[in-house]
């Protein structure tokens, strides 16, 4: 969010990045795809965070599938 400073009747808009943010380069196509995924008013950071969470869930369930396909399980009632 820009800061507004008034000096001698001049309005200055000061744009600055918070210390904990960075800039990443993406293609216009990627940017447009991110816009389609997000909701109105949602930031790119929020959209990317949502995609990362979905990706982590997919990886988790893929790992469960891999384990169930390759490992031997003992039912809990047999312990």
PDB file of N, CA and C in Angstrom:
ATOM      1  N   UNK A   1       0.858  -1.174   0.000  1.00  0.00           N
ATOM      2  CA  UNK A   1       0.000   0.000   0.000  1.00  0.00           C
ATOM      3  C   UNK A   1       0.901   1.232   0.000  1.00  0.00           C
ATOM      4  N   UNK A   2       0.654   2.183  -0.902  1.00  0.00           N
ATOM      5  CA  UNK A   2       1.504   3.374  -0.942  1.00  0.00           C
ATOM      6  C   UNK A   2       1.215   4.292   0.244  1.00  0.00           C
ATOM      7  N   UNK A   3       2.236   4.988   0.654  1.00  0.00           N
ATOM      8  CA  UNK A   3       2.087   6.003   1.685  1.00  0.00           C
ATOM      9  C   UNK A   3       1.930   7.354   0.996  1.00  0.00           C
ATOM     10  N   UNK A   4       1.061   8.191   1.524  1.00  0.00           N
ATOM     11  CA  UNK A   4       0.832   9.519   0.957  1.00  0.00           C
ATOM     12  C   UNK A   4       1.507  10.550   1.850  1.00  0.00           C
ATOM     13  N   UNK A   5       2.343  11.381   1.234  1.00  0.00           N
ATOM     14  CA  UNK A   5       3.042  12.430   1.966  1.00  0.00           C
ATOM     15  C   UNK A   5       2.733  13.758   1.275  1.00  0.00           C
ATOM     16  N   UNK A   6       2.357  14.760   2.058  1.00  0.00           N
ATOM     17  CA  UNK A   6       2.072  16.088   1.498  1.00  0.00           C
ATOM     18  C   UNK A   6       3.165  17.041   1.961  1.00  0.00           C
ATOM     19  N   UNK A   7       3.890  17.629   0.999  1.00  0.00           N
ATOM     20  CA  UNK A   7       4.956  18.588   1.293  1.00  0.00           C
ATOM     21  C   UNK A   7       4.714  19.833   0.444  1.00  0.00           C
ATOM     22  N   UNK A   8       4.527  20.968   1.090  1.00  0.00           N
ATOM     23  CA  UNK A   8       4.311  22.240   0.389  1.00  0.00           C
ATOM     24  C   UNK A   8       3.255  22.105  -0.709  1.00  0.00           C
ATOM     25  N   UNK A   9       2.145  21.533  -0.383  1.00  0.00           N
ATOM     26  CA  UNK A   9       1.005  21.345  -1.287  1.00  0.00           C
ATOM     27  C   UNK A   9       1.259  20.323  -2.394  1.00  0.00           C
ATOM     28  N   UNK A  10       2.353  19.612  -2.372  1.00  0.00           N
ATOM     29  CA  UNK A  10       2.607  18.542  -3.338  1.00  0.00           C
ATOM     30  C   UNK A  10       2.287  17.203  -2.666  1.00  0.00           C
ATOM     31  N   UNK A  11       1.613  16.366  -3.388  1.00  0.00           N
ATOM     32  CA  UNK A  11       1.274  15.041  -2.870  1.00  0.00           C
ATOM     33  C   UNK A  11       2.262  14.041  -3.462  1.00  0.00           C
ATOM     34  N   UNK A  12       2.935  13.338  -2.611  1.00  0.00           N
ATOM     35  CA  UNK A  12       3.883  12.310  -3.040  1.00  0.00           C
ATOM     36  C   UNK A  12       3.328  10.948  -2.651  1.00  0.00           C
ATOM     37  N   UNK A  13       3.328  10.037  -3.582  1.00  0.00           N
ATOM     38  CA  UNK A  13       2.959   8.656  -3.288  1.00  0.00           C
ATOM     39  C   UNK A  13       4.249   7.857  -3.184  1.00  0.00           C
ATOM     40  N   UNK A  14       4.512   7.339  -2.025  1.00  0.00           N
ATOM     41  CA  UNK A  14       5.730   6.574  -1.803  1.00  0.00           C
ATOM     42  C   UNK A  14       5.387   5.088  -1.813  1.00  0.00           C
ATOM     43  N   UNK A  15       5.936   4.393  -2.781  1.00  0.00           N
ATOM     44  CA  UNK A  15       5.732   2.950  -2.875  1.00  0.00           C
ATOM     45  C   UNK A  15       6.972   2.270  -2.331  1.00  0.00           C
ATOM     46  N   UNK A  16       6.773   1.343  -1.457  1.00  0.00           N
ATOM     47  CA  UNK A  16       7.904   0.570  -0.963  1.00  0.00           C
ATOM     48  C   UNK A  16       7.445  -0.856  -0.684  1.00  0.00           C
ATOM     49  N   UNK A  17       8.386  -1.779  -0.825  1.00  0.00           N
ATOM     50  CA  UNK A  17       8.113  -3.168  -0.508  1.00  0.00           C
ATOM     51  C   UNK A  17       8.421  -3.390   0.965  1.00  0.00           C
ATOM     52  N   UNK A  18       7.535  -4.084   1.655  1.00  0.00           N
ATOM     53  CA  UNK A  18       7.882  -4.466   3.025  1.00  0.00           C
ATOM     54  C   UNK A  18       9.160  -5.307   3.016  1.00  0.00           C
ATOM     55  N   UNK A  19       9.883  -5.281   4.106  1.00  0.00           N
ATOM     56  CA  UNK A  19      11.178  -5.951   4.198  1.00  0.00           C
ATOM     57  C   UNK A  19      11.071  -7.446   3.914  1.00  0.00           C
ATOM     58  N   UNK A  20       9.970  -8.073   4.259  1.00  0.00           N
ATOM     59  CA  UNK A  20       9.848  -9.518   4.113  1.00  0.00           C
ATOM     60  C   UNK A  20       9.292  -9.952   2.759  1.00  0.00           C
ATOM     61  N   UNK A  21       9.286  -9.077   1.774  1.00  0.00           N
ATOM     62  CA  UNK A  21       8.794  -9.428   0.448  1.00  0.00           C
ATOM     63  C   UNK A  21       9.899  -9.326  -0.581  1.00  0.00           C
ATOM     64  N   UNK A  22       9.683 -10.019  -1.692  1.00  0.00           N
ATOM     65  CA  UNK A  22      10.631 -10.007  -2.792  1.00  0.00           C
ATOM     66  C   UNK A  22       9.854  -9.914  -4.099  1.00  0.00           C
ATOM     67  N   UNK A  23      10.556  -9.748  -5.168  1.00  0.00           N
ATOM     68  CA  UNK A  23       9.942  -9.695  -6.498  1.00  0.00           C
ATOM     69  C   UNK A  23      10.385 -10.921  -7.274  1.00  0.00           C
ATOM     70  N   UNK A  24       9.444 -11.585  -7.930  1.00  0.00           N
ATOM     71  CA  UNK A  24       9.779 -12.713  -8.792  1.00  0.00           C
ATOM     72  C   UNK A  24       9.302 -12.412 -10.200  1.00  0.00           C
ATOM     73  N   UNK A  25      10.026 -12.906 -11.171  1.00  0.00           N
ATOM     74  CA  UNK A  25       9.668 -12.700 -12.568  1.00  0.00           C
ATOM     75  C   UNK A  25       8.842 -13.892 -13.062  1.00  0.00           C
ATOM     76  N   UNK A  26       7.709 -13.617 -13.676  1.00  0.00           N
ATOM     77  CA  UNK A  26       6.894 -14.660 -14.315  1.00  0.00           C
ATOM     78  C   UNK A  26       6.493 -14.150 -15.689  1.00  0.00           C
ATOM     79  N   UNK A  27       6.215 -15.080 -16.570  1.00  0.00           N
ATOM     80  CA  UNK A  27       5.776 -14.690 -17.912  1.00  0.00           C
ATOM     81  C   UNK A  27       4.378 -14.086 -17.828  1.00  0.00           C
ATOM     82  N   UNK A  28       3.990 -13.378 -18.859  1.00  0.00           N
ATOM     83  CA  UNK A  28       2.638 -12.805 -18.889  1.00  0.00           C
ATOM     84  C   UNK A  28       1.595 -13.915 -18.868  1.00  0.00           C
ATOM     85  N   UNK A  29       1.908 -15.019 -19.555  1.00  0.00           N
ATOM     86  CA  UNK A  29       0.989 -16.158 -19.578  1.00  0.00           C
ATOM     87  C   UNK A  29       0.768 -16.692 -18.165  1.00  0.00           C
ATOM     88  N   UNK A  30       1.852 -16.855 -17.406  1.00  0.00           N
ATOM     89  CA  UNK A  30       1.744 -17.338 -16.028  1.00  0.00           C
ATOM     90  C   UNK A  30       0.956 -16.354 -15.178  1.00  0.00           C
ATOM     91  N   UNK A  31       1.239 -15.074 -15.331  1.00  0.00           N
ATOM     92  CA  UNK A  31       0.507 -14.047 -14.588  1.00  0.00           C
ATOM     93  C   UNK A  31      -0.989 -14.120 -14.902  1.00  0.00           C
ATOM     94  N   UNK A  32      -1.327 -14.282 -16.183  1.00  0.00           N
ATOM     95  CA  UNK A  32      -2.733 -14.357 -16.574  1.00  0.00           C
ATOM     96  C   UNK A  32      -3.405 -15.609 -16.001  1.00  0.00           C
ATOM     97  N   UNK A  33      -2.656 -16.714 -15.967  1.00  0.00           N
ATOM     98  CA  UNK A  33      -3.201 -17.946 -15.389  1.00  0.00           C
ATOM     99  C   UNK A  33      -3.425 -17.783 -13.888  1.00  0.00           C
ATOM    100  N   UNK A  34      -2.508 -17.104 -13.216  1.00  0.00           N
ATOM    101  CA  UNK A  34      -2.689 -16.852 -11.788  1.00  0.00           C
ATOM    102  C   UNK A  34      -3.931 -15.998 -11.540  1.00  0.00           C
ATOM    103  N   UNK A  35      -4.139 -14.995 -12.393  1.00  0.00           N
ATOM    104  CA  UNK A  35      -5.325 -14.143 -12.254  1.00  0.00           C
ATOM    105  C   UNK A  35      -6.608 -14.965 -12.363  1.00  0.00           C
ATOM    106  N   UNK A  36      -6.625 -15.940 -13.282  1.00  0.00           N
ATOM    107  CA  UNK A  36      -7.819 -16.770 -13.473  1.00  0.00           C
ATOM    108  C   UNK A  36      -8.079 -17.673 -12.270  1.00  0.00           C
ATOM    109  N   UNK A  37      -7.020 -18.090 -11.596  1.00  0.00           N
ATOM    110  CA  UNK A  37      -7.172 -18.959 -10.432  1.00  0.00           C
ATOM    111  C   UNK A  37      -7.656 -18.180  -9.226  1.00  0.00           C
ATOM    112  N   UNK A  38      -7.194 -16.957  -9.086  1.00  0.00           N
ATOM    113  CA  UNK A  38      -7.514 -16.151  -7.908  1.00  0.00           C
ATOM    114  C   UNK A  38      -8.898 -15.539  -7.966  1.00  0.00           C
ATOM    115  N   UNK A  39      -9.300 -15.021  -6.824  1.00  0.00           N
ATOM    116  CA  UNK A  39     -10.571 -14.316  -6.705  1.00  0.00           C
ATOM    117  C   UNK A  39     -10.305 -12.815  -6.713  1.00  0.00           C
ATOM    118  N   UNK A  40     -11.344 -12.043  -6.981  1.00  0.00           N
ATOM    119  CA  UNK A  40     -11.196 -10.588  -6.990  1.00  0.00           C
ATOM    120  C   UNK A  40     -10.681 -10.103  -5.643  1.00  0.00           C
ATOM    121  N   UNK A  41      -9.664  -9.253  -5.671  1.00  0.00           N
ATOM    122  CA  UNK A  41      -9.092  -8.703  -4.455  1.00  0.00           C
ATOM    123  C   UNK A  41      -8.006  -9.563  -3.832  1.00  0.00           C
ATOM    124  N   UNK A  42      -7.814 -10.763  -4.377  1.00  0.00           N
ATOM    125  CA  UNK A  42      -6.786 -11.654  -3.843  1.00  0.00           C
ATOM    126  C   UNK A  42      -5.428 -11.279  -4.426  1.00  0.00           C
ATOM    127  N   UNK A  43      -4.404 -11.258  -3.597  1.00  0.00           N
ATOM    128  CA  UNK A  43      -3.066 -10.917  -4.070  1.00  0.00           C
ATOM    129  C   UNK A  43      -2.424 -12.132  -4.732  1.00  0.00           C
ATOM    130  N   UNK A  44      -1.372 -11.865  -5.526  1.00  0.00           N
ATOM    131  CA  UNK A  44      -0.635 -12.980  -6.119  1.00  0.00           C
ATOM    132  C   UNK A  44      -0.033 -13.853  -5.028  1.00  0.00           C
ATOM    133  N   UNK A  45       0.418 -13.248  -3.941  1.00  0.00           N
ATOM    134  CA  UNK A  45       0.979 -14.011  -2.834  1.00  0.00           C
ATOM    135  C   UNK A  45      -0.054 -14.981  -2.273  1.00  0.00           C
ATOM    136  N   UNK A  46      -1.273 -14.530  -2.110  1.00  0.00           N
ATOM    137  CA  UNK A  46      -2.341 -15.391  -1.596  1.00  0.00           C
ATOM    138  C   UNK A  46      -2.660 -16.523  -2.574  1.00  0.00           C
ATOM    139  N   UNK A  47      -2.675 -16.209  -3.864  1.00  0.00           N
ATOM    140  CA  UNK A  47      -2.947 -17.227  -4.885  1.00  0.00           C
ATOM    141  C   UNK A  47      -1.844 -18.282  -4.881  1.00  0.00           C
ATOM    142  N   UNK A  48      -0.594 -17.845  -4.858  1.00  0.00           N
ATOM    143  CA  UNK A  48       0.532 -18.776  -4.872  1.00  0.00           C
ATOM    144  C   UNK A  48       0.527 -19.614  -3.598  1.00  0.00           C
ATOM    145  N   UNK A  49       0.239 -19.003  -2.458  1.00  0.00           N
ATOM    146  CA  UNK A  49       0.163 -19.748  -1.195  1.00  0.00           C
ATOM    147  C   UNK A  49      -0.901 -20.835  -1.282  1.00  0.00           C
ATOM    148  N   UNK A  50      -2.063 -20.500  -1.853  1.00  0.00           N
ATOM    149  CA  UNK A  50      -3.138 -21.479  -2.015  1.00  0.00           C
ATOM    150  C   UNK A  50      -2.676 -22.636  -2.912  1.00  0.00           C
ATOM    151  N   UNK A  51      -1.988 -22.319  -4.002  1.00  0.00           N
ATOM    152  CA  UNK A  51      -1.490 -23.354  -4.900  1.00  0.00           C
ATOM    153  C   UNK A  51      -0.444 -24.234  -4.219  1.00  0.00           C
ATOM    154  N   UNK A  52       0.409 -23.634  -3.402  1.00  0.00           N
ATOM    155  CA  UNK A  52       1.410 -24.413  -2.664  1.00  0.00           C
ATOM    156  C   UNK A  52       0.744 -25.371  -1.680  1.00  0.00           C
ATOM    157  N   UNK A  53      -0.297 -24.916  -1.004  1.00  0.00           N
ATOM    158  CA  UNK A  53      -1.025 -25.783  -0.074  1.00  0.00           C
ATOM    159  C   UNK A  53      -1.657 -26.957  -0.811  1.00  0.00           C
ATOM    160  N   UNK A  54      -2.249 -26.675  -1.970  1.00  0.00           N
ATOM    161  CA  UNK A  54      -2.852 -27.746  -2.774  1.00  0.00           C
ATOM    162  C   UNK A  54      -1.766 -28.726  -3.218  1.00  0.00           C
ATOM    163  N   UNK A  55      -0.634 -28.202  -3.662  1.00  0.00           N
ATOM    164  CA  UNK A  55       0.470 -29.050  -4.094  1.00  0.00           C
ATOM    165  C   UNK A  55       0.979 -29.941  -2.981  1.00  0.00           C
ATOM    166  N   UNK A  56       1.072 -29.398  -1.765  1.00  0.00           N
ATOM    167  CA  UNK A  56       1.517 -30.199  -0.625  1.00  0.00           C
ATOM    168  C   UNK A  56       0.530 -31.322  -0.326  1.00  0.00           C
ATOM    169  N   UNK A  57      -0.761 -31.045  -0.428  1.00  0.00           N
ATOM    170  CA  UNK A  57      -1.778 -32.085  -0.196  1.00  0.00           C
ATOM    171  C   UNK A  57      -1.684 -33.166  -1.263  1.00  0.00           C
ATOM    172  N   UNK A  58      -1.505 -32.769  -2.507  1.00  0.00           N
ATOM    173  CA  UNK A  58      -1.367 -33.746  -3.597  1.00  0.00           C
ATOM    174  C   UNK A  58      -0.148 -34.631  -3.358  1.00  0.00           C
ATOM    175  N   UNK A  59       0.976 -34.021  -2.975  1.00  0.00           N
ATOM    176  CA  UNK A  59       2.190 -34.797  -2.702  1.00  0.00           C
ATOM    177  C   UNK A  59       1.965 -35.761  -1.536  1.00  0.00           C
ATOM    178  N   UNK A  60       1.266 -35.321  -0.504  1.00  0.00           N
ATOM    179  CA  UNK A  60       0.973 -36.173   0.647  1.00  0.00           C
ATOM    180  C   UNK A  60       0.151 -37.391   0.216  1.00  0.00           C
ATOM    181  N   UNK A  61      -0.924 -37.161  -0.531  1.00  0.00           N
ATOM    182  CA  UNK A  61      -1.773 -38.278  -0.954  1.00  0.00           C
ATOM    183  C   UNK A  61      -1.067 -39.178  -1.962  1.00  0.00           C
ATOM    184  N   UNK A  62      -0.220 -38.609  -2.808  1.00  0.00           N
ATOM    185  CA  UNK A  62       0.582 -39.435  -3.715  1.00  0.00           C
ATOM    186  C   UNK A  62       1.521 -40.343  -2.922  1.00  0.00           C
ATOM    187  N   UNK A  63       2.099 -39.804  -1.852  1.00  0.00           N
ATOM    188  CA  UNK A  63       2.981 -40.609  -0.991  1.00  0.00           C
ATOM    189  C   UNK A  63       2.199 -41.710  -0.295  1.00  0.00           C
ATOM    190  N   UNK A  64       0.991 -41.411   0.168  1.00  0.00           N
ATOM    191  CA  UNK A  64       0.147 -42.448   0.772  1.00  0.00           C
ATOM    192  C   UNK A  64      -0.159 -43.548  -0.233  1.00  0.00           C
ATOM    193  N   UNK A  65      -0.485 -43.158  -1.463  1.00  0.00           N
ATOM    194  CA  UNK A  65      -0.750 -44.146  -2.512  1.00  0.00           C
ATOM    195  C   UNK A  65       0.484 -44.999  -2.773  1.00  0.00           C
ATOM    196  N   UNK A  66       1.658 -44.373  -2.835  1.00  0.00           N
ATOM    197  CA  UNK A  66       2.895 -45.105  -3.081  1.00  0.00           C
ATOM    198  C   UNK A  66       3.158 -46.104  -1.962  1.00  0.00           C
ATOM    199  N   UNK A  67       2.965 -45.666  -0.722  1.00  0.00           N
ATOM    200  CA  UNK A  67       3.184 -46.553   0.420  1.00  0.00           C
ATOM    201  C   UNK A  67       2.204 -47.713   0.393  1.00  0.00           C
ATOM    202  N   UNK A  68       0.931 -47.417   0.140  1.00  0.00           N
ATOM    203  CA  UNK A  68      -0.072 -48.494   0.143  1.00  0.00           C
ATOM    204  C   UNK A  68       0.162 -49.478  -1.000  1.00  0.00           C
ATOM    205  N   UNK A  69       0.749 -49.037  -2.094  1.00  0.00           N
ATOM    206  CA  UNK A  69       1.051 -49.926  -3.218  1.00  0.00           C
ATOM    207  C   UNK A  69       2.311 -50.752  -2.978  1.00  0.00           C
ATOM    208  N   UNK A  70       3.262 -50.248  -2.194  1.00  0.00           N
ATOM    209  CA  UNK A  70       4.581 -50.880  -2.077  1.00  0.00           C
ATOM    210  C   UNK A  70       4.897 -51.448  -0.701  1.00  0.00           C
ATOM    211  N   UNK A  71       4.099 -51.162   0.293  1.00  0.00           N
ATOM    212  CA  UNK A  71       4.413 -51.590   1.649  1.00  0.00           C
ATOM    213  C   UNK A  71       3.350 -52.571   2.141  1.00  0.00           C
ATOM    214  N   UNK A  72       3.744 -53.347   3.115  1.00  0.00           N
ATOM    215  CA  UNK A  72       2.803 -54.291   3.738  1.00  0.00           C
ATOM    216  C   UNK A  72       2.292 -53.666   5.030  1.00  0.00           C
ATOM    217  N   UNK A  73       0.978 -53.691   5.203  1.00  0.00           N
ATOM    218  CA  UNK A  73       0.379 -53.097   6.379  1.00  0.00           C
ATOM    219  C   UNK A  73      -0.213 -54.188   7.270  1.00  0.00           C
ATOM    220  N   UNK A  74      -0.209 -53.942   8.549  1.00  0.00           N
ATOM    221  CA  UNK A  74      -0.827 -54.830   9.510  1.00  0.00           C
ATOM    222  C   UNK A  74      -2.063 -54.109  10.046  1.00  0.00           C
ATOM    223  N   UNK A  75      -3.235 -54.711   9.930  1.00  0.00           N
ATOM    224  CA  UNK A  75      -4.427 -54.037  10.467  1.00  0.00           C
ATOM    225  C   UNK A  75      -4.265 -53.775  11.959  1.00  0.00           C
ATOM    226  N   UNK A  76      -4.795 -52.652  12.434  1.00  0.00           N
ATOM    227  CA  UNK A  76      -4.665 -52.254  13.830  1.00  0.00           C
ATOM    228  C   UNK A  76      -5.286 -53.271  14.782  1.00  0.00           C
ATOM    229  N   UNK A  77      -6.367 -53.935  14.353  1.00  0.00           N
ATOM    230  CA  UNK A  77      -7.006 -54.892  15.231  1.00  0.00           C
ATOM    231  C   UNK A  77      -6.183 -56.179  15.403  1.00  0.00           C
ATOM    232  N   UNK A  78      -5.105 -56.334  14.656  1.00  0.00           N
ATOM    233  CA  UNK A  78      -4.236 -57.504  14.795  1.00  0.00           C
ATOM    234  C   UNK A  78      -2.995 -57.208  15.627  1.00  0.00           C
ATOM    235  N   UNK A  79      -2.866 -56.001  16.120  1.00  0.00           N
ATOM    236  CA  UNK A  79      -1.705 -55.649  16.946  1.00  0.00           C
ATOM    237  C   UNK A  79      -1.887 -56.076  18.372  1.00  0.00           C
TER     238      UNK A  79
END
